[in-house]
Amino acid sequence: MLKPWMIIGIITLLVALASLFFRPRDTQWAKNLNRPKWLFFEPLIPVFWTIVFTGGALSAANIWENEPGTLPTWLLMGLYLVLEIITVSYIPATLRSRNLKVGTILGGSGVILGIVLTLIVWNISGVAALLLLPYLLWSPVGTYTTWEMMQLNPEAV
């Protein structure tokens, strides 16, 4: 029988894999964009996002274990899911639209929703809130990077 943390992990993985729905020609567009000189850590970005998504899934599982099946917990699970969908939609939406402003808006929306979720979760479980810390640290960096790329690539706005 699947345990709740397994189900949350599977859903997290499936939603994260949805970010792979983009066309090869779209990735070529992204490769040709100018990047900030300080973006030396770009090859590590998938590792950072793996840590972020793992923390989010563990946070959701922690919240579920505190009050399983209650309406407030289900609503929080929905909020976790919306946050992940916004976060995951960044790559395909930016690539398909070929517009860095789309990515900046999605990233900023994720930052705001991540802060709201963390504040709500903090009242239930400090551990769950701490598990969202990687998102709160990394998401603004990704959003700022995209904004900076808008300045370097005005034709991609």
N, C-alpha and C. Protein backbone atom coordinates (compact mmCIF):
# COMPACT_ATOMS: atom_id res chain seq x y z
N MET A 1 0.83 -1.18 0.00
CA MET A 1 0.00 0.00 0.00
C MET A 1 0.88 1.25 0.00
N LEU A 2 0.48 2.23 -0.81
CA LEU A 2 1.25 3.47 -0.88
C LEU A 2 0.98 4.34 0.34
N LYS A 3 2.05 4.84 0.89
CA LYS A 3 1.95 5.76 2.02
C LYS A 3 1.78 7.19 1.48
N PRO A 4 1.21 8.08 2.28
CA PRO A 4 1.00 9.46 1.81
C PRO A 4 2.27 10.13 1.28
N TRP A 5 3.42 9.92 1.94
CA TRP A 5 4.64 10.55 1.47
C TRP A 5 5.05 10.03 0.09
N MET A 6 4.71 8.76 -0.19
CA MET A 6 5.00 8.19 -1.50
C MET A 6 4.13 8.85 -2.58
N ILE A 7 2.85 9.02 -2.26
CA ILE A 7 1.92 9.64 -3.21
C ILE A 7 2.35 11.08 -3.49
N ILE A 8 2.70 11.81 -2.44
CA ILE A 8 3.16 13.19 -2.60
C ILE A 8 4.43 13.21 -3.47
N GLY A 9 5.34 12.30 -3.21
CA GLY A 9 6.57 12.22 -4.01
C GLY A 9 6.30 11.90 -5.47
N ILE A 10 5.38 10.99 -5.73
CA ILE A 10 5.04 10.62 -7.11
C ILE A 10 4.41 11.81 -7.83
N ILE A 11 3.49 12.49 -7.16
CA ILE A 11 2.85 13.66 -7.76
C ILE A 11 3.89 14.75 -8.05
N THR A 12 4.78 14.97 -7.10
CA THR A 12 5.84 15.96 -7.29
C THR A 12 6.69 15.61 -8.50
N LEU A 13 7.07 14.35 -8.61
CA LEU A 13 7.89 13.91 -9.74
C LEU A 13 7.15 14.06 -11.06
N LEU A 14 5.88 13.66 -11.11
CA LEU A 14 5.12 13.76 -12.35
C LEU A 14 4.94 15.21 -12.80
N VAL A 15 4.65 16.09 -11.86
CA VAL A 15 4.50 17.50 -12.21
C VAL A 15 5.85 18.06 -12.67
N ALA A 16 6.92 17.72 -11.98
CA ALA A 16 8.24 18.20 -12.36
C ALA A 16 8.63 17.72 -13.76
N LEU A 17 8.27 16.49 -14.09
CA LEU A 17 8.60 15.96 -15.42
C LEU A 17 7.85 16.68 -16.53
N ALA A 18 6.73 17.32 -16.18
CA ALA A 18 5.96 18.07 -17.18
C ALA A 18 6.78 19.22 -17.76
N SER A 19 7.80 19.66 -17.03
CA SER A 19 8.63 20.76 -17.54
C SER A 19 9.46 20.33 -18.75
N LEU A 20 9.49 19.05 -19.03
CA LEU A 20 10.25 18.56 -20.18
C LEU A 20 9.50 18.68 -21.49
N PHE A 21 8.26 19.19 -21.43
CA PHE A 21 7.46 19.34 -22.65
C PHE A 21 7.79 20.65 -23.35
N PHE A 22 8.90 20.63 -24.07
CA PHE A 22 9.26 21.77 -24.90
C PHE A 22 9.90 21.23 -26.17
N ARG A 23 9.97 22.10 -27.15
CA ARG A 23 10.49 21.68 -28.45
C ARG A 23 11.98 21.97 -28.54
N PRO A 24 12.73 21.12 -29.23
CA PRO A 24 14.17 21.35 -29.36
C PRO A 24 14.51 22.72 -29.94
N ARG A 25 13.70 23.22 -30.88
CA ARG A 25 14.01 24.53 -31.44
C ARG A 25 13.87 25.64 -30.40
N ASP A 26 13.02 25.40 -29.40
CA ASP A 26 12.87 26.38 -28.32
C ASP A 26 14.13 26.43 -27.45
N THR A 27 14.74 25.28 -27.22
CA THR A 27 15.96 25.27 -26.42
C THR A 27 17.10 25.97 -27.16
N GLN A 28 17.08 25.88 -28.48
CA GLN A 28 18.10 26.58 -29.27
C GLN A 28 17.98 28.08 -29.07
N TRP A 29 16.74 28.59 -29.02
CA TRP A 29 16.51 30.01 -28.76
C TRP A 29 17.14 30.39 -27.42
N ALA A 30 16.90 29.58 -26.40
CA ALA A 30 17.41 29.88 -25.06
C ALA A 30 18.94 29.83 -25.03
N LYS A 31 19.54 28.91 -25.76
CA LYS A 31 21.00 28.79 -25.77
C LYS A 31 21.66 30.03 -26.36
N ASN A 32 20.95 30.72 -27.26
CA ASN A 32 21.51 31.89 -27.91
C ASN A 32 21.36 33.18 -27.10
N LEU A 33 20.68 33.12 -25.97
CA LEU A 33 20.49 34.32 -25.15
C LEU A 33 21.77 34.67 -24.40
N ASN A 34 21.99 35.97 -24.23
CA ASN A 34 23.10 36.43 -23.40
C ASN A 34 22.76 36.19 -21.94
N ARG A 35 23.76 35.79 -21.18
CA ARG A 35 23.58 35.52 -19.77
C ARG A 35 24.47 36.45 -18.95
N PRO A 36 24.06 36.71 -17.70
CA PRO A 36 24.93 37.52 -16.83
C PRO A 36 26.28 36.83 -16.63
N LYS A 37 27.32 37.63 -16.54
CA LYS A 37 28.67 37.08 -16.36
C LYS A 37 28.79 36.29 -15.06
N TRP A 38 28.01 36.66 -14.05
CA TRP A 38 28.09 35.99 -12.75
C TRP A 38 27.37 34.64 -12.72
N LEU A 39 26.75 34.25 -13.82
CA LEU A 39 25.98 33.00 -13.86
C LEU A 39 26.91 31.81 -14.19
N PHE A 40 27.95 31.66 -13.39
CA PHE A 40 28.91 30.57 -13.60
C PHE A 40 28.39 29.23 -13.13
N PHE A 41 27.34 29.22 -12.32
CA PHE A 41 26.82 28.00 -11.71
C PHE A 41 25.66 27.39 -12.50
N GLU A 42 25.45 27.84 -13.71
CA GLU A 42 24.31 27.36 -14.51
C GLU A 42 24.25 25.83 -14.63
N PRO A 43 25.36 25.12 -14.79
CA PRO A 43 25.27 23.66 -14.87
C PRO A 43 24.70 23.00 -13.60
N LEU A 44 24.75 23.70 -12.47
CA LEU A 44 24.25 23.15 -11.21
C LEU A 44 22.77 23.42 -10.97
N ILE A 45 22.15 24.20 -11.83
CA ILE A 45 20.75 24.58 -11.62
C ILE A 45 19.83 23.35 -11.48
N PRO A 46 19.97 22.31 -12.29
CA PRO A 46 19.11 21.13 -12.07
C PRO A 46 19.29 20.51 -10.67
N VAL A 47 20.49 20.55 -10.13
CA VAL A 47 20.74 20.03 -8.78
C VAL A 47 20.00 20.90 -7.76
N PHE A 48 20.08 22.22 -7.93
CA PHE A 48 19.39 23.12 -7.02
C PHE A 48 17.88 22.85 -7.04
N TRP A 49 17.32 22.70 -8.23
CA TRP A 49 15.87 22.48 -8.33
C TRP A 49 15.48 21.12 -7.76
N THR A 50 16.35 20.12 -7.88
CA THR A 50 16.07 18.82 -7.27
C THR A 50 15.97 18.96 -5.76
N ILE A 51 16.87 19.72 -5.18
CA ILE A 51 16.83 19.96 -3.74
C ILE A 51 15.56 20.72 -3.36
N VAL A 52 15.21 21.72 -4.16
CA VAL A 52 14.01 22.53 -3.90
C VAL A 52 12.75 21.65 -3.94
N PHE A 53 12.61 20.85 -4.98
CA PHE A 53 11.41 20.02 -5.11
C PHE A 53 11.36 18.93 -4.03
N THR A 54 12.51 18.39 -3.67
CA THR A 54 12.55 17.40 -2.59
C THR A 54 12.11 18.03 -1.27
N GLY A 55 12.61 19.22 -1.00
CA GLY A 55 12.20 19.93 0.22
C GLY A 55 10.71 20.22 0.22
N GLY A 56 10.18 20.63 -0.92
CA GLY A 56 8.75 20.91 -1.02
C GLY A 56 7.91 19.67 -0.78
N ALA A 57 8.32 18.56 -1.37
CA ALA A 57 7.57 17.31 -1.19
C ALA A 57 7.63 16.84 0.27
N LEU A 58 8.80 16.94 0.88
CA LEU A 58 8.92 16.55 2.28
C LEU A 58 8.12 17.47 3.19
N SER A 59 8.09 18.75 2.85
CA SER A 59 7.28 19.70 3.61
C SER A 59 5.80 19.34 3.51
N ALA A 60 5.33 19.06 2.30
CA ALA A 60 3.93 18.68 2.12
C ALA A 60 3.61 17.40 2.89
N ALA A 61 4.51 16.43 2.85
CA ALA A 61 4.29 15.18 3.57
C ALA A 61 4.23 15.43 5.07
N ASN A 62 5.08 16.32 5.56
CA ASN A 62 5.06 16.66 6.98
C ASN A 62 3.73 17.29 7.38
N ILE A 63 3.22 18.18 6.56
CA ILE A 63 1.93 18.82 6.83
C ILE A 63 0.82 17.77 6.81
N TRP A 64 0.87 16.89 5.83
CA TRP A 64 -0.16 15.84 5.74
C TRP A 64 -0.17 14.98 7.00
N GLU A 65 1.01 14.62 7.47
CA GLU A 65 1.11 13.76 8.65
C GLU A 65 0.58 14.45 9.91
N ASN A 66 0.64 15.77 9.97
CA ASN A 66 0.14 16.51 11.13
C ASN A 66 -1.37 16.43 11.26
N GLU A 67 -2.09 16.59 10.16
CA GLU A 67 -3.56 16.55 10.18
C GLU A 67 -4.07 15.89 8.91
N PRO A 68 -3.88 14.59 8.77
CA PRO A 68 -4.22 13.92 7.51
C PRO A 68 -5.72 13.99 7.19
N GLY A 69 -5.99 14.32 5.93
CA GLY A 69 -7.36 14.24 5.43
C GLY A 69 -8.30 15.36 5.82
N THR A 70 -7.83 16.34 6.60
CA THR A 70 -8.73 17.43 6.98
C THR A 70 -8.84 18.44 5.83
N LEU A 71 -9.89 19.23 5.83
CA LEU A 71 -10.09 20.22 4.79
C LEU A 71 -8.92 21.21 4.73
N PRO A 72 -8.45 21.76 5.86
CA PRO A 72 -7.31 22.67 5.78
C PRO A 72 -6.07 22.01 5.17
N THR A 73 -5.85 20.75 5.50
CA THR A 73 -4.69 20.04 4.94
C THR A 73 -4.86 19.85 3.44
N TRP A 74 -6.05 19.47 2.99
CA TRP A 74 -6.29 19.33 1.55
C TRP A 74 -6.08 20.67 0.83
N LEU A 75 -6.54 21.76 1.44
CA LEU A 75 -6.34 23.08 0.83
C LEU A 75 -4.85 23.42 0.73
N LEU A 76 -4.10 23.06 1.77
CA LEU A 76 -2.65 23.28 1.71
C LEU A 76 -2.00 22.42 0.64
N MET A 77 -2.46 21.18 0.50
CA MET A 77 -1.91 20.32 -0.57
C MET A 77 -2.17 20.98 -1.94
N GLY A 78 -3.34 21.59 -2.08
CA GLY A 78 -3.65 22.31 -3.31
C GLY A 78 -2.71 23.48 -3.52
N LEU A 79 -2.37 24.18 -2.45
CA LEU A 79 -1.45 25.31 -2.54
C LEU A 79 -0.04 24.85 -2.91
N TYR A 80 0.39 23.74 -2.31
CA TYR A 80 1.69 23.16 -2.70
C TYR A 80 1.68 22.82 -4.19
N LEU A 81 0.59 22.22 -4.66
CA LEU A 81 0.49 21.82 -6.06
C LEU A 81 0.50 23.04 -6.98
N VAL A 82 -0.23 24.07 -6.64
CA VAL A 82 -0.25 25.29 -7.45
C VAL A 82 1.15 25.89 -7.51
N LEU A 83 1.85 25.92 -6.38
CA LEU A 83 3.21 26.45 -6.36
C LEU A 83 4.12 25.64 -7.28
N GLU A 84 4.00 24.33 -7.23
CA GLU A 84 4.84 23.51 -8.10
C GLU A 84 4.49 23.70 -9.56
N ILE A 85 3.21 23.80 -9.86
CA ILE A 85 2.81 24.00 -11.27
C ILE A 85 3.33 25.34 -11.79
N ILE A 86 3.22 26.39 -10.99
CA ILE A 86 3.77 27.70 -11.41
C ILE A 86 5.26 27.59 -11.64
N THR A 87 5.95 26.92 -10.72
CA THR A 87 7.40 26.79 -10.82
C THR A 87 7.80 25.98 -12.03
N VAL A 88 7.13 24.88 -12.25
CA VAL A 88 7.47 23.99 -13.36
C VAL A 88 7.09 24.59 -14.71
N SER A 89 6.07 25.43 -14.74
CA SER A 89 5.63 26.01 -16.01
C SER A 89 6.61 27.07 -16.52
N TYR A 90 7.52 27.52 -15.67
CA TYR A 90 8.48 28.55 -16.06
C TYR A 90 9.22 28.20 -17.35
N ILE A 91 9.83 27.03 -17.40
CA ILE A 91 10.66 26.67 -18.56
C ILE A 91 9.82 26.52 -19.83
N PRO A 92 8.80 25.66 -19.84
CA PRO A 92 8.07 25.54 -21.11
C PRO A 92 7.36 26.83 -21.53
N ALA A 93 6.83 27.59 -20.58
CA ALA A 93 6.14 28.84 -20.94
C ALA A 93 7.12 29.87 -21.50
N THR A 94 8.29 29.98 -20.89
CA THR A 94 9.29 30.92 -21.37
C THR A 94 9.82 30.50 -22.73
N LEU A 95 10.10 29.21 -22.88
CA LEU A 95 10.64 28.74 -24.15
C LEU A 95 9.61 28.83 -25.28
N ARG A 96 8.40 28.40 -25.01
CA ARG A 96 7.36 28.44 -26.06
C ARG A 96 7.04 29.87 -26.48
N SER A 97 6.95 30.77 -25.50
CA SER A 97 6.60 32.16 -25.82
C SER A 97 7.82 32.94 -26.32
N ARG A 98 9.00 32.40 -26.06
CA ARG A 98 10.26 33.09 -26.38
C ARG A 98 10.24 34.50 -25.80
N ASN A 99 9.84 34.55 -24.52
CA ASN A 99 9.66 35.82 -23.86
C ASN A 99 10.12 35.69 -22.41
N LEU A 100 11.21 36.35 -22.08
CA LEU A 100 11.76 36.28 -20.73
C LEU A 100 10.87 36.97 -19.70
N LYS A 101 10.02 37.88 -20.16
CA LYS A 101 9.10 38.53 -19.23
C LYS A 101 8.11 37.52 -18.65
N VAL A 102 7.70 36.55 -19.47
CA VAL A 102 6.81 35.49 -19.00
C VAL A 102 7.48 34.73 -17.85
N GLY A 103 8.74 34.38 -18.03
CA GLY A 103 9.48 33.68 -16.99
C GLY A 103 9.64 34.52 -15.73
N THR A 104 9.88 35.82 -15.91
CA THR A 104 10.04 36.69 -14.75
C THR A 104 8.74 36.80 -13.97
N ILE A 105 7.63 36.90 -14.67
CA ILE A 105 6.32 36.98 -14.00
C ILE A 105 6.01 35.67 -13.28
N LEU A 106 6.24 34.55 -13.93
CA LEU A 106 6.01 33.26 -13.28
C LEU A 106 6.93 33.09 -12.07
N GLY A 107 8.19 33.45 -12.22
CA GLY A 107 9.14 33.35 -11.12
C GLY A 107 8.73 34.22 -9.95
N GLY A 108 8.35 35.46 -10.24
CA GLY A 108 7.91 36.37 -9.18
C GLY A 108 6.65 35.88 -8.49
N SER A 109 5.74 35.32 -9.27
CA SER A 109 4.51 34.75 -8.69
C SER A 109 4.85 33.59 -7.76
N GLY A 110 5.80 32.77 -8.18
CA GLY A 110 6.24 31.66 -7.33
C GLY A 110 6.88 32.12 -6.05
N VAL A 111 7.69 33.18 -6.13
CA VAL A 111 8.33 33.72 -4.93
C VAL A 111 7.26 34.17 -3.93
N ILE A 112 6.29 34.93 -4.42
CA ILE A 112 5.23 35.44 -3.53
C ILE A 112 4.42 34.29 -2.94
N LEU A 113 4.01 33.34 -3.78
CA LEU A 113 3.23 32.20 -3.29
C LEU A 113 4.05 31.35 -2.33
N GLY A 114 5.35 31.20 -2.59
CA GLY A 114 6.22 30.44 -1.68
C GLY A 114 6.31 31.09 -0.31
N ILE A 115 6.38 32.41 -0.28
CA ILE A 115 6.42 33.12 1.00
C ILE A 115 5.10 32.93 1.75
N VAL A 116 3.99 33.09 1.03
CA VAL A 116 2.67 32.92 1.65
C VAL A 116 2.52 31.51 2.21
N LEU A 117 2.88 30.50 1.40
CA LEU A 117 2.78 29.11 1.85
C LEU A 117 3.63 28.87 3.08
N THR A 118 4.85 29.37 3.08
CA THR A 118 5.75 29.17 4.21
C THR A 118 5.17 29.80 5.48
N LEU A 119 4.62 30.99 5.36
CA LEU A 119 4.04 31.65 6.53
C LEU A 119 2.84 30.88 7.08
N ILE A 120 2.02 30.34 6.19
CA ILE A 120 0.87 29.54 6.63
C ILE A 120 1.35 28.25 7.30
N VAL A 121 2.30 27.59 6.65
CA VAL A 121 2.80 26.30 7.13
C VAL A 121 3.53 26.47 8.47
N TRP A 122 4.20 27.61 8.66
CA TRP A 122 4.97 27.85 9.89
C TRP A 122 4.09 27.68 11.12
N ASN A 123 2.83 28.06 11.01
CA ASN A 123 1.90 27.93 12.15
C ASN A 123 1.55 26.48 12.46
N ILE A 124 1.76 25.60 11.51
CA ILE A 124 1.43 24.19 11.69
C ILE A 124 2.66 23.38 12.06
N SER A 125 3.77 23.64 11.35
CA SER A 125 4.99 22.85 11.57
C SER A 125 6.21 23.67 11.18
N GLY A 126 7.05 23.94 12.15
CA GLY A 126 8.31 24.63 11.86
C GLY A 126 9.20 23.82 10.93
N VAL A 127 9.17 22.50 11.08
CA VAL A 127 9.97 21.63 10.21
C VAL A 127 9.51 21.77 8.76
N ALA A 128 8.19 21.75 8.55
CA ALA A 128 7.65 21.89 7.19
C ALA A 128 8.05 23.23 6.59
N ALA A 129 8.02 24.27 7.40
CA ALA A 129 8.41 25.60 6.92
C ALA A 129 9.90 25.63 6.56
N LEU A 130 10.73 25.02 7.40
CA LEU A 130 12.18 24.98 7.11
C LEU A 130 12.48 24.20 5.84
N LEU A 131 11.67 23.19 5.57
CA LEU A 131 11.88 22.41 4.34
C LEU A 131 11.56 23.22 3.08
N LEU A 132 10.84 24.33 3.25
CA LEU A 132 10.57 25.22 2.12
C LEU A 132 11.68 26.27 1.95
N LEU A 133 12.61 26.31 2.88
CA LEU A 133 13.70 27.28 2.82
C LEU A 133 14.49 27.22 1.51
N PRO A 134 14.84 26.04 0.98
CA PRO A 134 15.54 26.03 -0.30
C PRO A 134 14.76 26.74 -1.41
N TYR A 135 13.44 26.59 -1.41
CA TYR A 135 12.63 27.30 -2.41
C TYR A 135 12.72 28.80 -2.19
N LEU A 136 12.62 29.23 -0.94
CA LEU A 136 12.65 30.66 -0.63
C LEU A 136 14.01 31.29 -0.94
N LEU A 137 15.06 30.49 -0.90
CA LEU A 137 16.39 31.00 -1.22
C LEU A 137 16.68 30.97 -2.71
N TRP A 138 16.29 29.90 -3.38
CA TRP A 138 16.66 29.72 -4.77
C TRP A 138 15.71 30.42 -5.75
N SER A 139 14.43 30.38 -5.49
CA SER A 139 13.46 30.95 -6.43
C SER A 139 13.71 32.43 -6.73
N PRO A 140 14.02 33.26 -5.74
CA PRO A 140 14.33 34.65 -6.07
C PRO A 140 15.59 34.79 -6.94
N VAL A 141 16.55 33.89 -6.74
CA VAL A 141 17.77 33.93 -7.56
C VAL A 141 17.41 33.64 -9.02
N GLY A 142 16.60 32.60 -9.23
CA GLY A 142 16.18 32.27 -10.58
C GLY A 142 15.36 33.39 -11.22
N THR A 143 14.49 34.00 -10.43
CA THR A 143 13.68 35.10 -10.95
C THR A 143 14.55 36.31 -11.29
N TYR A 144 15.47 36.64 -10.40
CA TYR A 144 16.38 37.76 -10.67
C TYR A 144 17.24 37.47 -11.90
N THR A 145 17.70 36.24 -12.05
CA THR A 145 18.51 35.88 -13.21
C THR A 145 17.73 36.11 -14.49
N THR A 146 16.47 35.70 -14.50
CA THR A 146 15.64 35.90 -15.69
C THR A 146 15.43 37.38 -15.95
N TRP A 147 15.19 38.16 -14.90
CA TRP A 147 15.05 39.61 -15.06
C TRP A 147 16.33 40.22 -15.63
N GLU A 148 17.47 39.79 -15.11
CA GLU A 148 18.76 40.27 -15.60
C GLU A 148 18.94 39.90 -17.08
N MET A 149 18.53 38.70 -17.44
CA MET A 149 18.62 38.29 -18.85
C MET A 149 17.72 39.14 -19.74
N MET A 150 16.59 39.62 -19.20
CA MET A 150 15.74 40.53 -19.97
C MET A 150 16.51 41.80 -20.32
N GLN A 151 17.33 42.28 -19.40
CA GLN A 151 18.10 43.49 -19.64
C GLN A 151 19.18 43.25 -20.70
N LEU A 152 19.72 42.03 -20.71
CA LEU A 152 20.78 41.69 -21.66
C LEU A 152 20.24 41.28 -23.03
N ASN A 153 18.95 40.95 -23.09
CA ASN A 153 18.32 40.46 -24.33
C ASN A 153 16.99 41.19 -24.55
N PRO A 154 17.02 42.47 -24.83
CA PRO A 154 15.76 43.22 -24.95
C PRO A 154 14.85 42.69 -26.07
N GLU A 155 15.43 42.01 -27.03
CA GLU A 155 14.62 41.43 -28.11
C GLU A 155 13.82 40.22 -27.65
N ALA A 156 14.11 39.70 -26.46
CA ALA A 156 13.44 38.50 -25.93
C ALA A 156 12.40 38.86 -24.88
N VAL A 157 11.86 40.06 -25.00
CA VAL A 157 10.84 40.51 -24.03
C VAL A 157 9.53 40.73 -24.76
